[in-house]
């Protein structure tokens, strides 16, 4: 019996997260569909190996890893169309986001990514809506953000958005960003609740505002040359296993967010749920970002996201 083909799937979160569990679901799915001919070696968190989280991208594009998942925000500089996902308040809710990424918007973003970069894109996992946590005070309006230093992803749209809200953006990769948060060098950060708790931020931040300013998508990226060299049946098995993992991950992520909020509240963290009127104030403050995006990205991509 021939030795199984081994592929390497890398990530940047601990084994218990919805993303790591989805890697397991993918590995099980592709093994089942190929009769065990494909086995997956899992790298839970490349930061534990001394890499920066964002190095997953070149590790996969160079073929050191066969696959990875990563936030689309980090690729927007190279694939400008991906910037639509990072626009403030672009999606109304999770149902809207998932339908767009599974439909025409996702297909368009995949085509743009594959045309420019060395990946095959197998779909989009859910990283939820990003909410603000901070160590200083409750936040109910942009005025409460004035002068607050906020750690953000390395993304110009995120930085401009928070500048319009009155904050002082500190764009930083994940590992040094966590260090700045823990040390108090920055006052706040913006993340899904699962990340806020997974990375230990809840230990130093006593306030969370459910801003939902941005939605986070994590693409599933495969090394293009490796994927294209697989026979058609293996490519089909990988795509089917990825789809199974996508549905699993999204459901698991929703459960985790609800569970983590309960745990954080039990630890005394104060939550602010914005009223529709308060949310509208935030949206009005960042409207210039959407106006400029329409000029820069064009009507097509915003229409595909449901923003005509």
Foldseek 3Di string as FASTA:
>chain_A
DDAAAEAEEEEAFDCVALVNVLVVLLQVQLCVLVVNSYGYDYHYRCVVVVDFRVVVVVCQQVPVGFKYKFWLQVCCVQQVLSCCQFAFPLAVAPVLVQPLCVDDLVVVSQVSDVVRTQWRWLGKAWFFFKWKFFQDDEDLALVVQAAAEEEEAPHPNVQVLNVLSRHHYDHDGDPVSLVCLVVVVGTMYIGQLLCCVRSPSLVRTQEIEGLSGGTIIMIMIGRNVVLVPDPPSSNVSSSVSSVVSRVSSRVSSVVSSVVSVVVSVVVNRDYHYHDPVSSVNSCVSSVVSVVVCCVVVHPVSSVSSVHD
